[in-house]
PDB file of all heavy atoms in Angstrom:
ATOM      1  N   VAL A   1       0.828  -1.203   0.001  1.00  0.00           N
ATOM      2  CA  VAL A   1      -0.003  -0.003   0.003  1.00  0.00           C
ATOM      3  C   VAL A   1       0.871   1.256   0.005  1.00  0.00           C
ATOM      4  O   VAL A   1       0.502   2.274  -0.604  1.00  0.00           O
ATOM      5  CB  VAL A   1      -0.980  -0.015   1.189  1.00  0.00           C
ATOM      6  CG1 VAL A   1      -0.278   0.288   2.502  1.00  0.00           C
ATOM      7  CG2 VAL A   1      -2.131   0.961   0.967  1.00  0.00           C
ATOM      8  N   ARG A   2       2.019   1.185   0.651  1.00  0.00           N
ATOM      9  CA  ARG A   2       2.923   2.335   0.632  1.00  0.00           C
ATOM     10  C   ARG A   2       3.640   2.448  -0.719  1.00  0.00           C
ATOM     11  O   ARG A   2       3.818   3.552  -1.234  1.00  0.00           O
ATOM     12  CB  ARG A   2       3.952   2.206   1.768  1.00  0.00           C
ATOM     13  CG  ARG A   2       3.386   2.473   3.169  1.00  0.00           C
ATOM     14  CD  ARG A   2       4.407   2.008   4.209  1.00  0.00           C
ATOM     15  NE  ARG A   2       4.094   2.435   5.560  1.00  0.00           N
ATOM     16  CZ  ARG A   2       3.262   1.809   6.362  1.00  0.00           C
ATOM     17  NH1 ARG A   2       2.635   0.720   5.944  1.00  0.00           N
ATOM     18  NH2 ARG A   2       3.039   2.253   7.596  1.00  0.00           N
ATOM     19  N   TRP A   3       4.070   1.318  -1.255  1.00  0.00           N
ATOM     20  CA  TRP A   3       4.728   1.357  -2.570  1.00  0.00           C
ATOM     21  C   TRP A   3       3.781   1.894  -3.645  1.00  0.00           C
ATOM     22  O   TRP A   3       4.195   2.626  -4.536  1.00  0.00           O
ATOM     23  CB  TRP A   3       5.174  -0.052  -2.959  1.00  0.00           C
ATOM     24  CG  TRP A   3       6.334  -0.591  -2.184  1.00  0.00           C
ATOM     25  CD1 TRP A   3       7.299   0.145  -1.523  1.00  0.00           C
ATOM     26  CD2 TRP A   3       6.662  -1.964  -1.962  1.00  0.00           C
ATOM     27  NE1 TRP A   3       8.203  -0.705  -0.919  1.00  0.00           N
ATOM     28  CE2 TRP A   3       7.841  -1.996  -1.165  1.00  0.00           C
ATOM     29  CE3 TRP A   3       6.094  -3.174  -2.359  1.00  0.00           C
ATOM     30  CZ2 TRP A   3       8.451  -3.195  -0.777  1.00  0.00           C
ATOM     31  CZ3 TRP A   3       6.687  -4.366  -1.972  1.00  0.00           C
ATOM     32  CH2 TRP A   3       7.858  -4.364  -1.201  1.00  0.00           C
ATOM     33  N   ALA A   4       2.516   1.511  -3.550  1.00  0.00           N
ATOM     34  CA  ALA A   4       1.557   1.896  -4.587  1.00  0.00           C
ATOM     35  C   ALA A   4       1.036   3.319  -4.425  1.00  0.00           C
ATOM     36  O   ALA A   4       0.540   3.904  -5.383  1.00  0.00           O
ATOM     37  CB  ALA A   4       0.371   0.922  -4.590  1.00  0.00           C
ATOM     38  N   ALA A   5       1.164   3.877  -3.223  1.00  0.00           N
ATOM     39  CA  ALA A   5       0.557   5.175  -2.928  1.00  0.00           C
ATOM     40  C   ALA A   5       0.966   6.289  -3.889  1.00  0.00           C
ATOM     41  O   ALA A   5       0.111   7.075  -4.320  1.00  0.00           O
ATOM     42  CB  ALA A   5       0.845   5.584  -1.483  1.00  0.00           C
ATOM     43  N   PRO A   6       2.242   6.434  -4.278  1.00  0.00           N
ATOM     44  CA  PRO A   6       2.592   7.522  -5.202  1.00  0.00           C
ATOM     45  C   PRO A   6       2.019   7.334  -6.601  1.00  0.00           C
ATOM     46  O   PRO A   6       1.926   8.288  -7.364  1.00  0.00           O
ATOM     47  CB  PRO A   6       4.125   7.477  -5.236  1.00  0.00           C
ATOM     48  CG  PRO A   6       4.519   6.695  -4.046  1.00  0.00           C
ATOM     49  CD  PRO A   6       3.423   5.709  -3.814  1.00  0.00           C
ATOM     50  N   VAL A   7       1.640   6.092  -6.935  1.00  0.00           N
ATOM     51  CA  VAL A   7       1.129   5.778  -8.279  1.00  0.00           C
ATOM     52  C   VAL A   7      -0.397   5.742  -8.262  1.00  0.00           C
ATOM     53  O   VAL A   7      -1.060   6.483  -8.992  1.00  0.00           O
ATOM     54  CB  VAL A   7       1.687   4.435  -8.779  1.00  0.00           C
ATOM     55  CG1 VAL A   7       1.221   4.165 -10.207  1.00  0.00           C
ATOM     56  CG2 VAL A   7       3.218   4.414  -8.694  1.00  0.00           C
ATOM     57  N   LEU A   8      -0.938   4.869  -7.437  1.00  0.00           N
ATOM     58  CA  LEU A   8      -2.407   4.721  -7.332  1.00  0.00           C
ATOM     59  C   LEU A   8      -2.870   5.530  -6.114  1.00  0.00           C
ATOM     60  O   LEU A   8      -3.214   4.977  -5.065  1.00  0.00           O
ATOM     61  CB  LEU A   8      -2.769   3.237  -7.191  1.00  0.00           C
ATOM     62  CG  LEU A   8      -2.215   2.315  -8.269  1.00  0.00           C
ATOM     63  CD1 LEU A   8      -2.640   0.878  -8.014  1.00  0.00           C
ATOM     64  CD2 LEU A   8      -2.658   2.757  -9.661  1.00  0.00           C
ATOM     65  N   VAL A   9      -2.891   6.829  -6.287  1.00  0.00           N
ATOM     66  CA  VAL A   9      -3.099   7.743  -5.172  1.00  0.00           C
ATOM     67  C   VAL A   9      -4.418   7.496  -4.456  1.00  0.00           C
ATOM     68  O   VAL A   9      -4.470   7.344  -3.233  1.00  0.00           O
ATOM     69  CB  VAL A   9      -3.020   9.202  -5.657  1.00  0.00           C
ATOM     70  CG1 VAL A   9      -3.345  10.162  -4.528  1.00  0.00           C
ATOM     71  CG2 VAL A   9      -1.633   9.497  -6.218  1.00  0.00           C
ATOM     72  N   PHE A  10      -5.486   7.461  -5.210  1.00  0.00           N
ATOM     73  CA  PHE A  10      -6.807   7.338  -4.605  1.00  0.00           C
ATOM     74  C   PHE A  10      -7.091   5.910  -4.166  1.00  0.00           C
ATOM     75  O   PHE A  10      -7.713   5.679  -3.123  1.00  0.00           O
ATOM     76  CB  PHE A  10      -7.875   7.825  -5.592  1.00  0.00           C
ATOM     77  CG  PHE A  10      -7.727   9.262  -5.968  1.00  0.00           C
ATOM     78  CD1 PHE A  10      -7.205   9.622  -7.195  1.00  0.00           C
ATOM     79  CD2 PHE A  10      -8.082  10.265  -5.085  1.00  0.00           C
ATOM     80  CE1 PHE A  10      -7.044  10.958  -7.544  1.00  0.00           C
ATOM     81  CE2 PHE A  10      -7.927  11.600  -5.417  1.00  0.00           C
ATOM     82  CZ  PHE A  10      -7.410  11.940  -6.650  1.00  0.00           C
ATOM     83  N   THR A  11      -6.641   4.931  -4.936  1.00  0.00           N
ATOM     84  CA  THR A  11      -6.859   3.537  -4.581  1.00  0.00           C
ATOM     85  C   THR A  11      -6.121   3.190  -3.297  1.00  0.00           C
ATOM     86  O   THR A  11      -6.678   2.530  -2.413  1.00  0.00           O
ATOM     87  CB  THR A  11      -6.384   2.622  -5.719  1.00  0.00           C
ATOM     88  OG1 THR A  11      -7.091   2.943  -6.919  1.00  0.00           O
ATOM     89  CG2 THR A  11      -6.624   1.153  -5.372  1.00  0.00           C
ATOM     90  N   ALA A  12      -4.874   3.612  -3.180  1.00  0.00           N
ATOM     91  CA  ALA A  12      -4.099   3.335  -1.965  1.00  0.00           C
ATOM     92  C   ALA A  12      -4.761   3.974  -0.743  1.00  0.00           C
ATOM     93  O   ALA A  12      -4.801   3.372   0.333  1.00  0.00           O
ATOM     94  CB  ALA A  12      -2.670   3.845  -2.127  1.00  0.00           C
ATOM     95  N   GLU A  13      -5.285   5.178  -0.903  1.00  0.00           N
ATOM     96  CA  GLU A  13      -5.970   5.846   0.208  1.00  0.00           C
ATOM     97  C   GLU A  13      -7.231   5.081   0.595  1.00  0.00           C
ATOM     98  O   GLU A  13      -7.542   4.916   1.782  1.00  0.00           O
ATOM     99  CB  GLU A  13      -6.324   7.279  -0.184  1.00  0.00           C
ATOM    100  CG  GLU A  13      -6.861   8.116   0.942  1.00  0.00           C
ATOM    101  CD  GLU A  13      -5.766   8.651   1.865  1.00  0.00           C
ATOM    102  OE1 GLU A  13      -4.639   8.101   1.881  1.00  0.00           O
ATOM    103  OE2 GLU A  13      -6.044   9.603   2.589  1.00  0.00           O
ATOM    104  N   GLU A  14      -7.955   4.588  -0.400  1.00  0.00           N
ATOM    105  CA  GLU A  14      -9.162   3.811  -0.141  1.00  0.00           C
ATOM    106  C   GLU A  14      -8.821   2.500   0.565  1.00  0.00           C
ATOM    107  O   GLU A  14      -9.497   2.106   1.528  1.00  0.00           O
ATOM    108  CB  GLU A  14      -9.882   3.522  -1.455  1.00  0.00           C
ATOM    109  CG  GLU A  14     -11.121   2.676  -1.313  1.00  0.00           C
ATOM    110  CD  GLU A  14     -11.712   2.261  -2.654  1.00  0.00           C
ATOM    111  OE1 GLU A  14     -11.083   2.537  -3.699  1.00  0.00           O
ATOM    112  OE2 GLU A  14     -12.784   1.625  -2.654  1.00  0.00           O
ATOM    113  N   VAL A  15      -7.793   1.826   0.081  1.00  0.00           N
ATOM    114  CA  VAL A  15      -7.389   0.542   0.681  1.00  0.00           C
ATOM    115  C   VAL A  15      -6.954   0.740   2.124  1.00  0.00           C
ATOM    116  O   VAL A  15      -7.370   0.002   3.023  1.00  0.00           O
ATOM    117  CB  VAL A  15      -6.266  -0.085  -0.156  1.00  0.00           C
ATOM    118  CG1 VAL A  15      -5.660  -1.282   0.570  1.00  0.00           C
ATOM    119  CG2 VAL A  15      -6.780  -0.511  -1.525  1.00  0.00           C
ATOM    120  N   TRP A  16      -6.118   1.733   2.356  1.00  0.00           N
ATOM    121  CA  TRP A  16      -5.623   1.992   3.713  1.00  0.00           C
ATOM    122  C   TRP A  16      -6.777   2.364   4.641  1.00  0.00           C
ATOM    123  O   TRP A  16      -6.866   1.856   5.766  1.00  0.00           O
ATOM    124  CB  TRP A  16      -4.594   3.114   3.674  1.00  0.00           C
ATOM    125  CG  TRP A  16      -4.048   3.479   5.010  1.00  0.00           C
ATOM    126  CD1 TRP A  16      -4.400   4.542   5.802  1.00  0.00           C
ATOM    127  CD2 TRP A  16      -3.057   2.753   5.758  1.00  0.00           C
ATOM    128  NE1 TRP A  16      -3.688   4.536   6.970  1.00  0.00           N
ATOM    129  CE2 TRP A  16      -2.856   3.464   6.986  1.00  0.00           C
ATOM    130  CE3 TRP A  16      -2.313   1.609   5.502  1.00  0.00           C
ATOM    131  CZ2 TRP A  16      -1.950   3.028   7.939  1.00  0.00           C
ATOM    132  CZ3 TRP A  16      -1.403   1.177   6.469  1.00  0.00           C
ATOM    133  CH2 TRP A  16      -1.224   1.889   7.666  1.00  0.00           C
ATOM    134  N   GLY A  17      -7.659   3.227   4.188  1.00  0.00           N
ATOM    135  CA  GLY A  17      -8.782   3.643   5.015  1.00  0.00           C
ATOM    136  C   GLY A  17      -9.771   2.533   5.294  1.00  0.00           C
ATOM    137  O   GLY A  17     -10.443   2.531   6.323  1.00  0.00           O
ATOM    138  N   THR A  18      -9.865   1.571   4.372  1.00  0.00           N
ATOM    139  CA  THR A  18     -10.763   0.443   4.592  1.00  0.00           C
ATOM    140  C   THR A  18     -10.282  -0.426   5.750  1.00  0.00           C
ATOM    141  O   THR A  18     -11.079  -0.866   6.591  1.00  0.00           O
ATOM    142  CB  THR A  18     -10.863  -0.408   3.311  1.00  0.00           C
ATOM    143  OG1 THR A  18     -11.407   0.383   2.258  1.00  0.00           O
ATOM    144  CG2 THR A  18     -11.762  -1.608   3.526  1.00  0.00           C
ATOM    145  N   ARG A  19      -8.988  -0.639   5.802  1.00  0.00           N
ATOM    146  CA  ARG A  19      -8.457  -1.480   6.888  1.00  0.00           C
ATOM    147  C   ARG A  19      -8.249  -0.684   8.166  1.00  0.00           C
ATOM    148  O   ARG A  19      -8.445  -1.210   9.260  1.00  0.00           O
ATOM    149  CB  ARG A  19      -7.141  -2.129   6.452  1.00  0.00           C
ATOM    150  CG  ARG A  19      -6.666  -3.149   7.476  1.00  0.00           C
ATOM    151  CD  ARG A  19      -5.423  -3.890   7.084  1.00  0.00           C
ATOM    152  NE  ARG A  19      -5.048  -4.798   8.153  1.00  0.00           N
ATOM    153  CZ  ARG A  19      -3.842  -5.290   8.334  1.00  0.00           C
ATOM    154  NH1 ARG A  19      -2.869  -4.985   7.474  1.00  0.00           N
ATOM    155  NH2 ARG A  19      -3.581  -6.097   9.336  1.00  0.00           N
ATOM    156  N   PHE A  20      -7.827   0.571   8.031  1.00  0.00           N
ATOM    157  CA  PHE A  20      -7.560   1.397   9.206  1.00  0.00           C
ATOM    158  C   PHE A  20      -8.360   2.701   9.094  1.00  0.00           C
ATOM    159  O   PHE A  20      -7.828   3.727   8.691  1.00  0.00           O
ATOM    160  CB  PHE A  20      -6.071   1.707   9.320  1.00  0.00           C
ATOM    161  CG  PHE A  20      -5.194   0.479   9.418  1.00  0.00           C
ATOM    162  CD1 PHE A  20      -4.380   0.113   8.371  1.00  0.00           C
ATOM    163  CD2 PHE A  20      -5.207  -0.289  10.568  1.00  0.00           C
ATOM    164  CE1 PHE A  20      -3.579  -1.009   8.461  1.00  0.00           C
ATOM    165  CE2 PHE A  20      -4.406  -1.425  10.662  1.00  0.00           C
ATOM    166  CZ  PHE A  20      -3.591  -1.787   9.605  1.00  0.00           C
ATOM    167  N   PRO A  21      -9.650   2.654   9.418  1.00  0.00           N
ATOM    168  CA  PRO A  21     -10.506   3.840   9.265  1.00  0.00           C
ATOM    169  C   PRO A  21     -10.006   5.057  10.037  1.00  0.00           C
ATOM    170  O   PRO A  21     -10.254   6.188   9.633  1.00  0.00           O
ATOM    171  CB  PRO A  21     -11.859   3.360   9.790  1.00  0.00           C
ATOM    172  CG  PRO A  21     -11.822   1.877   9.690  1.00  0.00           C
ATOM    173  CD  PRO A  21     -10.395   1.492   9.933  1.00  0.00           C
ATOM    174  N   ASP A  22      -9.329   4.811  11.146  1.00  0.00           N
ATOM    175  CA  ASP A  22      -8.836   5.909  11.983  1.00  0.00           C
ATOM    176  C   ASP A  22      -7.313   6.054  11.842  1.00  0.00           C
ATOM    177  O   ASP A  22      -6.661   6.638  12.710  1.00  0.00           O
ATOM    178  CB  ASP A  22      -9.203   5.676  13.444  1.00  0.00           C
ATOM    179  CG  ASP A  22     -10.711   5.575  13.652  1.00  0.00           C
ATOM    180  OD1 ASP A  22     -11.447   6.327  12.996  1.00  0.00           O
ATOM    181  OD2 ASP A  22     -11.125   4.712  14.456  1.00  0.00           O
ATOM    182  N   GLY A  23      -6.771   5.539  10.755  1.00  0.00           N
ATOM    183  CA  GLY A  23      -5.318   5.519  10.604  1.00  0.00           C
ATOM    184  C   GLY A  23      -4.729   6.685   9.856  1.00  0.00           C
ATOM    185  O   GLY A  23      -3.560   6.642   9.475  1.00  0.00           O
ATOM    186  N   GLY A  24      -5.514   7.730   9.623  1.00  0.00           N
ATOM    187  CA  GLY A  24      -5.003   8.886   8.898  1.00  0.00           C
ATOM    188  C   GLY A  24      -4.837   8.580   7.420  1.00  0.00           C
ATOM    189  O   GLY A  24      -5.435   7.654   6.884  1.00  0.00           O
ATOM    190  N   SER A  25      -4.000   9.357   6.764  1.00  0.00           N
ATOM    191  CA  SER A  25      -3.796   9.196   5.323  1.00  0.00           C
ATOM    192  C   SER A  25      -2.578   8.343   5.049  1.00  0.00           C
ATOM    193  O   SER A  25      -1.541   8.470   5.703  1.00  0.00           O
ATOM    194  CB  SER A  25      -3.607  10.567   4.655  1.00  0.00           C
ATOM    195  OG  SER A  25      -3.229  10.406   3.294  1.00  0.00           O
ATOM    196  N   VAL A  26      -2.681   7.476   4.055  1.00  0.00           N
ATOM    197  CA  VAL A  26      -1.542   6.648   3.647  1.00  0.00           C
ATOM    198  C   VAL A  26      -0.400   7.510   3.143  1.00  0.00           C
ATOM    199  O   VAL A  26       0.777   7.131   3.206  1.00  0.00           O
ATOM    200  CB  VAL A  26      -1.981   5.621   2.573  1.00  0.00           C
ATOM    201  CG1 VAL A  26      -2.316   6.327   1.266  1.00  0.00           C
ATOM    202  CG2 VAL A  26      -0.891   4.585   2.338  1.00  0.00           C
ATOM    203  N   HIS A  27      -0.739   8.703   2.652  1.00  0.00           N
ATOM    204  CA  HIS A  27       0.291   9.565   2.064  1.00  0.00           C
ATOM    205  C   HIS A  27       1.124  10.305   3.110  1.00  0.00           C
ATOM    206  O   HIS A  27       2.051  11.032   2.757  1.00  0.00           O
ATOM    207  CB  HIS A  27      -0.368  10.560   1.100  1.00  0.00           C
ATOM    208  CG  HIS A  27      -1.129   9.883   0.008  1.00  0.00           C
ATOM    209  ND1 HIS A  27      -0.518   9.135  -0.971  1.00  0.00           N
ATOM    210  CD2 HIS A  27      -2.463   9.812  -0.250  1.00  0.00           C
ATOM    211  CE1 HIS A  27      -1.429   8.640  -1.784  1.00  0.00           C
ATOM    212  NE2 HIS A  27      -2.623   9.031  -1.365  1.00  0.00           N
ATOM    213  N   LEU A  28       0.778  10.111   4.370  1.00  0.00           N
ATOM    214  CA  LEU A  28       1.585  10.668   5.454  1.00  0.00           C
ATOM    215  C   LEU A  28       2.493   9.615   6.082  1.00  0.00           C
ATOM    216  O   LEU A  28       3.205   9.896   7.043  1.00  0.00           O
ATOM    217  CB  LEU A  28       0.689  11.291   6.521  1.00  0.00           C
ATOM    218  CG  LEU A  28      -0.190  12.456   6.059  1.00  0.00           C
ATOM    219  CD1 LEU A  28      -1.058  12.958   7.207  1.00  0.00           C
ATOM    220  CD2 LEU A  28       0.662  13.582   5.491  1.00  0.00           C
ATOM    221  N   LEU A  29       2.467   8.396   5.529  1.00  0.00           N
ATOM    222  CA  LEU A  29       3.293   7.317   6.062  1.00  0.00           C
ATOM    223  C   LEU A  29       4.682   7.326   5.423  1.00  0.00           C
ATOM    224  O   LEU A  29       4.871   7.855   4.331  1.00  0.00           O
ATOM    225  CB  LEU A  29       2.628   5.963   5.786  1.00  0.00           C
ATOM    226  CG  LEU A  29       1.219   5.770   6.341  1.00  0.00           C
ATOM    227  CD1 LEU A  29       0.663   4.422   5.916  1.00  0.00           C
ATOM    228  CD2 LEU A  29       1.227   5.881   7.864  1.00  0.00           C
ATOM    229  N   GLU A  30       5.629   6.735   6.121  1.00  0.00           N
ATOM    230  CA  GLU A  30       6.977   6.615   5.609  1.00  0.00           C
ATOM    231  C   GLU A  30       7.099   5.381   4.734  1.00  0.00           C
ATOM    232  O   GLU A  30       6.208   4.535   4.662  1.00  0.00           O
ATOM    233  CB  GLU A  30       7.976   6.522   6.782  1.00  0.00           C
ATOM    234  CG  GLU A  30       7.988   7.746   7.682  1.00  0.00           C
ATOM    235  CD  GLU A  30       8.548   8.973   6.977  1.00  0.00           C
ATOM    236  OE1 GLU A  30       9.344   8.797   6.047  1.00  0.00           O
ATOM    237  OE2 GLU A  30       8.189  10.100   7.387  1.00  0.00           O
ATOM    238  N   TRP A  31       8.227   5.267   4.059  1.00  0.00           N
ATOM    239  CA  TRP A  31       8.536   4.063   3.271  1.00  0.00           C
ATOM    240  C   TRP A  31       8.464   2.846   4.192  1.00  0.00           C
ATOM    241  O   TRP A  31       8.876   2.916   5.345  1.00  0.00           O
ATOM    242  CB  TRP A  31       9.934   4.205   2.665  1.00  0.00           C
ATOM    243  CG  TRP A  31      10.307   3.117   1.699  1.00  0.00           C
ATOM    244  CD1 TRP A  31      10.857   1.921   2.007  1.00  0.00           C
ATOM    245  CD2 TRP A  31      10.169   3.139   0.284  1.00  0.00           C
ATOM    246  NE1 TRP A  31      11.083   1.184   0.865  1.00  0.00           N
ATOM    247  CE2 TRP A  31      10.667   1.898  -0.203  1.00  0.00           C
ATOM    248  CE3 TRP A  31       9.672   4.075  -0.619  1.00  0.00           C
ATOM    249  CZ2 TRP A  31      10.696   1.586  -1.561  1.00  0.00           C
ATOM    250  CZ3 TRP A  31       9.697   3.755  -1.978  1.00  0.00           C
ATOM    251  CH2 TRP A  31      10.190   2.540  -2.429  1.00  0.00           C
ATOM    252  N   PRO A  32       7.941   1.718   3.722  1.00  0.00           N
ATOM    253  CA  PRO A  32       7.741   0.566   4.608  1.00  0.00           C
ATOM    254  C   PRO A  32       9.054  -0.007   5.154  1.00  0.00           C
ATOM    255  O   PRO A  32      10.078   0.022   4.480  1.00  0.00           O
ATOM    256  CB  PRO A  32       7.039  -0.448   3.708  1.00  0.00           C
ATOM    257  CG  PRO A  32       7.446  -0.076   2.318  1.00  0.00           C
ATOM    258  CD  PRO A  32       7.530   1.423   2.337  1.00  0.00           C
ATOM    259  N   GLU A  33       8.955  -0.530   6.364  1.00  0.00           N
ATOM    260  CA  GLU A  33      10.072  -1.245   6.956  1.00  0.00           C
ATOM    261  C   GLU A  33       9.891  -2.735   6.639  1.00  0.00           C
ATOM    262  O   GLU A  33       9.049  -3.400   7.214  1.00  0.00           O
ATOM    263  CB  GLU A  33      10.108  -1.019   8.468  1.00  0.00           C
ATOM    264  CG  GLU A  33      10.425   0.413   8.884  1.00  0.00           C
ATOM    265  CD  GLU A  33      11.845   0.803   8.522  1.00  0.00           C
ATOM    266  OE1 GLU A  33      12.707  -0.095   8.444  1.00  0.00           O
ATOM    267  OE2 GLU A  33      12.098   2.007   8.322  1.00  0.00           O
ATOM    268  N   VAL A  34      10.690  -3.228   5.718  1.00  0.00           N
ATOM    269  CA  VAL A  34      10.590  -4.619   5.278  1.00  0.00           C
ATOM    270  C   VAL A  34      11.695  -5.422   5.950  1.00  0.00           C
ATOM    271  O   VAL A  34      12.867  -5.050   5.871  1.00  0.00           O
ATOM    272  CB  VAL A  34      10.702  -4.719   3.744  1.00  0.00           C
ATOM    273  CG1 VAL A  34      10.686  -6.175   3.301  1.00  0.00           C
ATOM    274  CG2 VAL A  34       9.562  -3.943   3.082  1.00  0.00           C
ATOM    275  N   PRO A  35      11.346  -6.538   6.603  1.00  0.00           N
ATOM    276  CA  PRO A  35      12.388  -7.343   7.258  1.00  0.00           C
ATOM    277  C   PRO A  35      13.375  -7.904   6.247  1.00  0.00           C
ATOM    278  O   PRO A  35      12.981  -8.373   5.170  1.00  0.00           O
ATOM    279  CB  PRO A  35      11.596  -8.457   7.956  1.00  0.00           C
ATOM    280  CG  PRO A  35      10.281  -8.524   7.227  1.00  0.00           C
ATOM    281  CD  PRO A  35       9.998  -7.121   6.792  1.00  0.00           C
ATOM    282  N   LEU A  36      14.656  -7.841   6.577  1.00  0.00           N
ATOM    283  CA  LEU A  36      15.699  -8.357   5.699  1.00  0.00           C
ATOM    284  C   LEU A  36      15.857  -9.850   5.962  1.00  0.00           C
ATOM    285  O   LEU A  36      16.515 -10.263   6.920  1.00  0.00           O
ATOM    286  CB  LEU A  36      17.010  -7.615   5.942  1.00  0.00           C
ATOM    287  CG  LEU A  36      17.006  -6.120   5.635  1.00  0.00           C
ATOM    288  CD1 LEU A  36      18.348  -5.499   6.010  1.00  0.00           C
ATOM    289  CD2 LEU A  36      16.712  -5.874   4.155  1.00  0.00           C
ATOM    290  N   VAL A  37      15.218 -10.651   5.129  1.00  0.00           N
ATOM    291  CA  VAL A  37      15.245 -12.099   5.298  1.00  0.00           C
ATOM    292  C   VAL A  37      16.144 -12.683   4.219  1.00  0.00           C
ATOM    293  O   VAL A  37      15.824 -12.645   3.029  1.00  0.00           O
ATOM    294  CB  VAL A  37      13.834 -12.703   5.197  1.00  0.00           C
ATOM    295  CG1 VAL A  37      13.886 -14.212   5.344  1.00  0.00           C
ATOM    296  CG2 VAL A  37      12.922 -12.098   6.263  1.00  0.00           C
ATOM    297  N   ALA A  38      17.282 -13.207   4.640  1.00  0.00           N
ATOM    298  CA  ALA A  38      18.213 -13.826   3.704  1.00  0.00           C
ATOM    299  C   ALA A  38      17.709 -15.223   3.322  1.00  0.00           C
ATOM    300  O   ALA A  38      16.893 -15.828   4.041  1.00  0.00           O
ATOM    301  CB  ALA A  38      19.607 -13.906   4.311  1.00  0.00           C
TER     302      ALA A  38
END
């Protein structure tokens, strides 16, 4: 959802708000923290 946010602006906001209605805007989030799994 964070990777897609700069491209699918409205869709990413809709997806984020659907799961986290009180989670603010996806566009205020930082780049995701992905675990480094070797």
